[in-house]
Amino acid sequence: MDTKEAAFLRQFIGKEVQGSPSPFLNWLRPVLLKVEEGSLAFQYTVRAEMTNPFGTLHGGITAAIIDDAIGATLIAYGGPDFHVTINLVVDYFAAAREGDVVIAETQVIKKGSQIVNAQSELWNEARTKLLAKGYTNLIKTKTR
């Protein structure tokens, strides 16, 4: 994949992403691990403001990480179109706590002319425990 968007992302491999057009992505403060066609991997450190009253990663933040990582995957394709989520289903399997490092890895399953189907898995840092898995469909718009 050789787009200016993918090149922008690649400069952050091994570093915290900064200066993204997505304020939410900047707030999440991920470290980019890989950029490939149809797949990205980000690493996140769970901060206090990302947790629920039980001290674990909030389910809404988990869903947002999944959604945002998939969105970045589609942006890496480049082009004038933008894709917006039309549904998102998240299965939660295990918890992460403040200070834990989690890895989100995305995969585009099918990229059609209008609809994209994708998924993201959220793992613990050692990739021995699947924390959550999300599935989504996104539709192409001209709002970019």
C-alpha atoms as a PDB file:
ATOM      1  CA  MET A   1       0.000   0.000   0.000  1.00  0.00           C
ATOM      2  CA  ASP A   2       1.602   3.202  -1.168  1.00  0.00           C
ATOM      3  CA  THR A   3      -0.705   6.096  -0.276  1.00  0.00           C
ATOM      4  CA  LYS A   4       0.162   9.378   1.419  1.00  0.00           C
ATOM      5  CA  GLU A   5      -2.123   8.347   4.289  1.00  0.00           C
ATOM      6  CA  ALA A   6      -0.281   5.031   4.749  1.00  0.00           C
ATOM      7  CA  ALA A   7       3.042   6.887   4.573  1.00  0.00           C
ATOM      8  CA  PHE A   8       1.813   9.317   7.246  1.00  0.00           C
ATOM      9  CA  LEU A   9       0.932   6.380   9.497  1.00  0.00           C
ATOM     10  CA  ARG A  10       4.181   4.495   8.806  1.00  0.00           C
ATOM     11  CA  GLN A  11       6.242   7.360  10.250  1.00  0.00           C
ATOM     12  CA  PHE A  12       4.779   6.405  13.643  1.00  0.00           C
ATOM     13  CA  ILE A  13       5.750   2.724  13.622  1.00  0.00           C
ATOM     14  CA  GLY A  14       7.260   2.134  17.045  1.00  0.00           C
ATOM     15  CA  LYS A  15       6.160   5.586  18.243  1.00  0.00           C
ATOM     16  CA  GLU A  16       3.097   7.176  19.753  1.00  0.00           C
ATOM     17  CA  VAL A  17       0.797   8.570  17.061  1.00  0.00           C
ATOM     18  CA  GLN A  18       0.577  12.375  17.243  1.00  0.00           C
ATOM     19  CA  GLY A  19      -0.954  14.966  14.975  1.00  0.00           C
ATOM     20  CA  SER A  20      -3.644  12.695  13.584  1.00  0.00           C
ATOM     21  CA  PRO A  21      -6.657  14.451  12.043  1.00  0.00           C
ATOM     22  CA  SER A  22      -8.664  12.359  14.565  1.00  0.00           C
ATOM     23  CA  PRO A  23      -8.700  14.079  17.967  1.00  0.00           C
ATOM     24  CA  PHE A  24      -9.958  10.834  19.493  1.00  0.00           C
ATOM     25  CA  LEU A  25      -7.035   8.833  18.097  1.00  0.00           C
ATOM     26  CA  ASN A  26      -4.694  11.458  19.563  1.00  0.00           C
ATOM     27  CA  TRP A  27      -6.445  11.092  22.947  1.00  0.00           C
ATOM     28  CA  LEU A  28      -6.042   7.301  22.864  1.00  0.00           C
ATOM     29  CA  ARG A  29      -2.273   7.822  22.337  1.00  0.00           C
ATOM     30  CA  PRO A  30      -1.589   4.527  20.539  1.00  0.00           C
ATOM     31  CA  VAL A  31       1.805   3.310  19.430  1.00  0.00           C
ATOM     32  CA  LEU A  32       1.638   2.062  15.854  1.00  0.00           C
ATOM     33  CA  LEU A  33       3.054  -1.434  15.403  1.00  0.00           C
ATOM     34  CA  LYS A  34       2.348  -2.198  11.746  1.00  0.00           C
ATOM     35  CA  VAL A  35       0.711  -0.851   8.597  1.00  0.00           C
ATOM     36  CA  GLU A  36      -0.202  -3.319   5.872  1.00  0.00           C
ATOM     37  CA  GLU A  37      -2.869  -3.284   3.214  1.00  0.00           C
ATOM     38  CA  GLY A  38      -6.105  -4.040   5.031  1.00  0.00           C
ATOM     39  CA  SER A  39      -4.474  -4.426   8.442  1.00  0.00           C
ATOM     40  CA  LEU A  40      -3.013  -2.245  11.186  1.00  0.00           C
ATOM     41  CA  ALA A  41      -1.835  -2.962  14.705  1.00  0.00           C
ATOM     42  CA  PHE A  42      -1.802  -0.428  17.535  1.00  0.00           C
ATOM     43  CA  GLN A  43      -0.584  -0.721  21.125  1.00  0.00           C
ATOM     44  CA  TYR A  44      -2.356   1.180  23.911  1.00  0.00           C
ATOM     45  CA  THR A  45      -1.516   1.697  27.567  1.00  0.00           C
ATOM     46  CA  VAL A  46      -4.646   1.657  29.717  1.00  0.00           C
ATOM     47  CA  ARG A  47      -4.817   4.978  31.578  1.00  0.00           C
ATOM     48  CA  ALA A  48      -7.001   5.797  34.617  1.00  0.00           C
ATOM     49  CA  GLU A  49      -9.395   7.871  32.489  1.00  0.00           C
ATOM     50  CA  MET A  50     -10.022   4.795  30.318  1.00  0.00           C
ATOM     51  CA  THR A  51     -11.262   2.655  33.210  1.00  0.00           C
ATOM     52  CA  ASN A  52     -14.643   1.993  34.782  1.00  0.00           C
ATOM     53  CA  PRO A  53     -15.477   2.047  38.518  1.00  0.00           C
ATOM     54  CA  PHE A  54     -14.106  -1.513  38.797  1.00  0.00           C
ATOM     55  CA  GLY A  55     -10.674  -0.332  37.640  1.00  0.00           C
ATOM     56  CA  THR A  56     -10.811  -2.229  34.350  1.00  0.00           C
ATOM     57  CA  LEU A  57     -10.785  -0.963  30.776  1.00  0.00           C
ATOM     58  CA  HIS A  58     -14.236   0.524  30.143  1.00  0.00           C
ATOM     59  CA  GLY A  59     -16.293  -1.421  27.607  1.00  0.00           C
ATOM     60  CA  GLY A  60     -17.058   1.774  25.712  1.00  0.00           C
ATOM     61  CA  ILE A  61     -13.357   2.544  25.375  1.00  0.00           C
ATOM     62  CA  THR A  62     -12.761  -1.028  24.213  1.00  0.00           C
ATOM     63  CA  ALA A  63     -15.431  -0.581  21.523  1.00  0.00           C
ATOM     64  CA  ALA A  64     -14.011   2.829  20.608  1.00  0.00           C
ATOM     65  CA  ILE A  65     -10.488   1.402  20.246  1.00  0.00           C
ATOM     66  CA  ILE A  66     -11.843  -1.295  17.927  1.00  0.00           C
ATOM     67  CA  ASP A  67     -13.856   1.212  15.879  1.00  0.00           C
ATOM     68  CA  ASP A  68     -11.068   3.791  15.668  1.00  0.00           C
ATOM     69  CA  ALA A  69      -8.395   1.249  14.707  1.00  0.00           C
ATOM     70  CA  ILE A  70     -10.597  -0.079  11.906  1.00  0.00           C
ATOM     71  CA  GLY A  71     -11.226   3.486  10.750  1.00  0.00           C
ATOM     72  CA  ALA A  72      -7.475   4.145  10.590  1.00  0.00           C
ATOM     73  CA  THR A  73      -7.081   0.952   8.575  1.00  0.00           C
ATOM     74  CA  LEU A  74      -9.501   2.262   5.952  1.00  0.00           C
ATOM     75  CA  ILE A  75      -7.952   5.735   5.915  1.00  0.00           C
ATOM     76  CA  ALA A  76      -4.608   4.097   5.058  1.00  0.00           C
ATOM     77  CA  TYR A  77      -6.130   3.048   1.712  1.00  0.00           C
ATOM     78  CA  GLY A  78      -6.203   6.742   0.753  1.00  0.00           C
ATOM     79  CA  GLY A  79      -8.536   8.292  -1.774  1.00  0.00           C
ATOM     80  CA  PRO A  80     -11.232  10.920  -1.596  1.00  0.00           C
ATOM     81  CA  ASP A  81     -13.844   8.776   0.156  1.00  0.00           C
ATOM     82  CA  PHE A  82     -14.445   8.317   3.846  1.00  0.00           C
ATOM     83  CA  HIS A  83     -16.067   5.300   5.499  1.00  0.00           C
ATOM     84  CA  VAL A  84     -18.400   5.575   8.485  1.00  0.00           C
ATOM     85  CA  THR A  85     -19.485   2.784  10.773  1.00  0.00           C
ATOM     86  CA  ILE A  86     -23.032   1.534  10.226  1.00  0.00           C
ATOM     87  CA  ASN A  87     -22.891  -1.197  12.867  1.00  0.00           C
ATOM     88  CA  LEU A  88     -20.445  -2.507  15.441  1.00  0.00           C
ATOM     89  CA  VAL A  89     -20.718  -5.701  17.466  1.00  0.00           C
ATOM     90  CA  VAL A  90     -18.206  -6.320  20.239  1.00  0.00           C
ATOM     91  CA  ASP A  91     -17.710  -9.520  22.179  1.00  0.00           C
ATOM     92  CA  TYR A  92     -15.902  -9.046  25.501  1.00  0.00           C
ATOM     93  CA  PHE A  93     -13.823 -11.929  26.839  1.00  0.00           C
ATOM     94  CA  ALA A  94     -11.418 -10.640  29.498  1.00  0.00           C
ATOM     95  CA  ALA A  95     -10.497  -7.447  31.340  1.00  0.00           C
ATOM     96  CA  ALA A  96      -7.464  -5.178  31.243  1.00  0.00           C
ATOM     97  CA  ARG A  97      -6.459  -2.911  34.132  1.00  0.00           C
ATOM     98  CA  GLU A  98      -4.844   0.504  34.437  1.00  0.00           C
ATOM     99  CA  GLY A  99      -1.218   0.262  33.359  1.00  0.00           C
ATOM    100  CA  ASP A 100      -1.809  -2.800  31.183  1.00  0.00           C
ATOM    101  CA  VAL A 101      -0.731  -2.669  27.554  1.00  0.00           C
ATOM    102  CA  VAL A 102      -3.245  -3.925  25.005  1.00  0.00           C
ATOM    103  CA  ILE A 103      -2.825  -4.601  21.288  1.00  0.00           C
ATOM    104  CA  ALA A 104      -5.520  -3.965  18.667  1.00  0.00           C
ATOM    105  CA  GLU A 105      -5.051  -5.714  15.352  1.00  0.00           C
ATOM    106  CA  THR A 106      -7.423  -5.068  12.470  1.00  0.00           C
ATOM    107  CA  GLN A 107      -8.325  -6.973   9.346  1.00  0.00           C
ATOM    108  CA  VAL A 108     -10.466  -5.920   6.410  1.00  0.00           C
ATOM    109  CA  ILE A 109     -12.537  -8.968   5.512  1.00  0.00           C
ATOM    110  CA  LYS A 110     -14.178  -7.579   2.352  1.00  0.00           C
ATOM    111  CA  LYS A 111     -13.809  -4.178   0.732  1.00  0.00           C
ATOM    112  CA  GLY A 112     -16.690  -3.671  -1.670  1.00  0.00           C
ATOM    113  CA  SER A 113     -17.475  -0.632  -3.765  1.00  0.00           C
ATOM    114  CA  GLN A 114     -19.780   0.806  -1.058  1.00  0.00           C
ATOM    115  CA  ILE A 115     -19.574  -1.410   2.038  1.00  0.00           C
ATOM    116  CA  VAL A 116     -16.512  -2.631   3.932  1.00  0.00           C
ATOM    117  CA  ASN A 117     -16.636  -5.503   6.416  1.00  0.00           C
ATOM    118  CA  ALA A 118     -13.828  -5.565   8.964  1.00  0.00           C
ATOM    119  CA  GLN A 119     -12.866  -6.891  12.368  1.00  0.00           C
ATOM    120  CA  SER A 120     -10.458  -6.084  15.164  1.00  0.00           C
ATOM    121  CA  GLU A 121      -9.133  -8.188  17.991  1.00  0.00           C
ATOM    122  CA  LEU A 122      -7.923  -6.688  21.263  1.00  0.00           C
ATOM    123  CA  TRP A 123      -5.200  -8.733  23.003  1.00  0.00           C
ATOM    124  CA  ASN A 124      -3.090  -8.458  26.122  1.00  0.00           C
ATOM    125  CA  GLU A 125       0.510  -7.392  25.468  1.00  0.00           C
ATOM    126  CA  ALA A 126       1.831 -10.969  25.354  1.00  0.00           C
ATOM    127  CA  ARG A 127      -0.979 -11.909  22.936  1.00  0.00           C
ATOM    128  CA  THR A 128      -1.885 -14.837  25.139  1.00  0.00           C
ATOM    129  CA  LYS A 129      -5.330 -13.561  26.133  1.00  0.00           C
ATOM    130  CA  LEU A 130      -8.018 -12.297  23.763  1.00  0.00           C
ATOM    131  CA  LEU A 131      -9.754  -9.415  25.538  1.00  0.00           C
ATOM    132  CA  ALA A 132     -12.376  -8.515  22.931  1.00  0.00           C
ATOM    133  CA  LYS A 133     -13.267  -8.937  19.285  1.00  0.00           C
ATOM    134  CA  GLY A 134     -15.308  -6.520  17.203  1.00  0.00           C
ATOM    135  CA  TYR A 135     -17.018  -6.849  13.846  1.00  0.00           C
ATOM    136  CA  THR A 136     -18.223  -3.928  11.789  1.00  0.00           C
ATOM    137  CA  ASN A 137     -19.614  -2.770   8.485  1.00  0.00           C
ATOM    138  CA  LEU A 138     -18.781   0.675   7.161  1.00  0.00           C
ATOM    139  CA  ILE A 139     -20.283   2.594   4.268  1.00  0.00           C
ATOM    140  CA  LYS A 140     -18.482   4.884   1.842  1.00  0.00           C
ATOM    141  CA  THR A 141     -19.389   8.573   2.011  1.00  0.00           C
ATOM    142  CA  LYS A 142     -18.087  11.719   0.324  1.00  0.00           C
ATOM    143  CA  THR A 143     -17.662  13.710   3.550  1.00  0.00           C
ATOM    144  CA  ARG A 144     -13.883  13.694   3.572  1.00  0.00           C
END
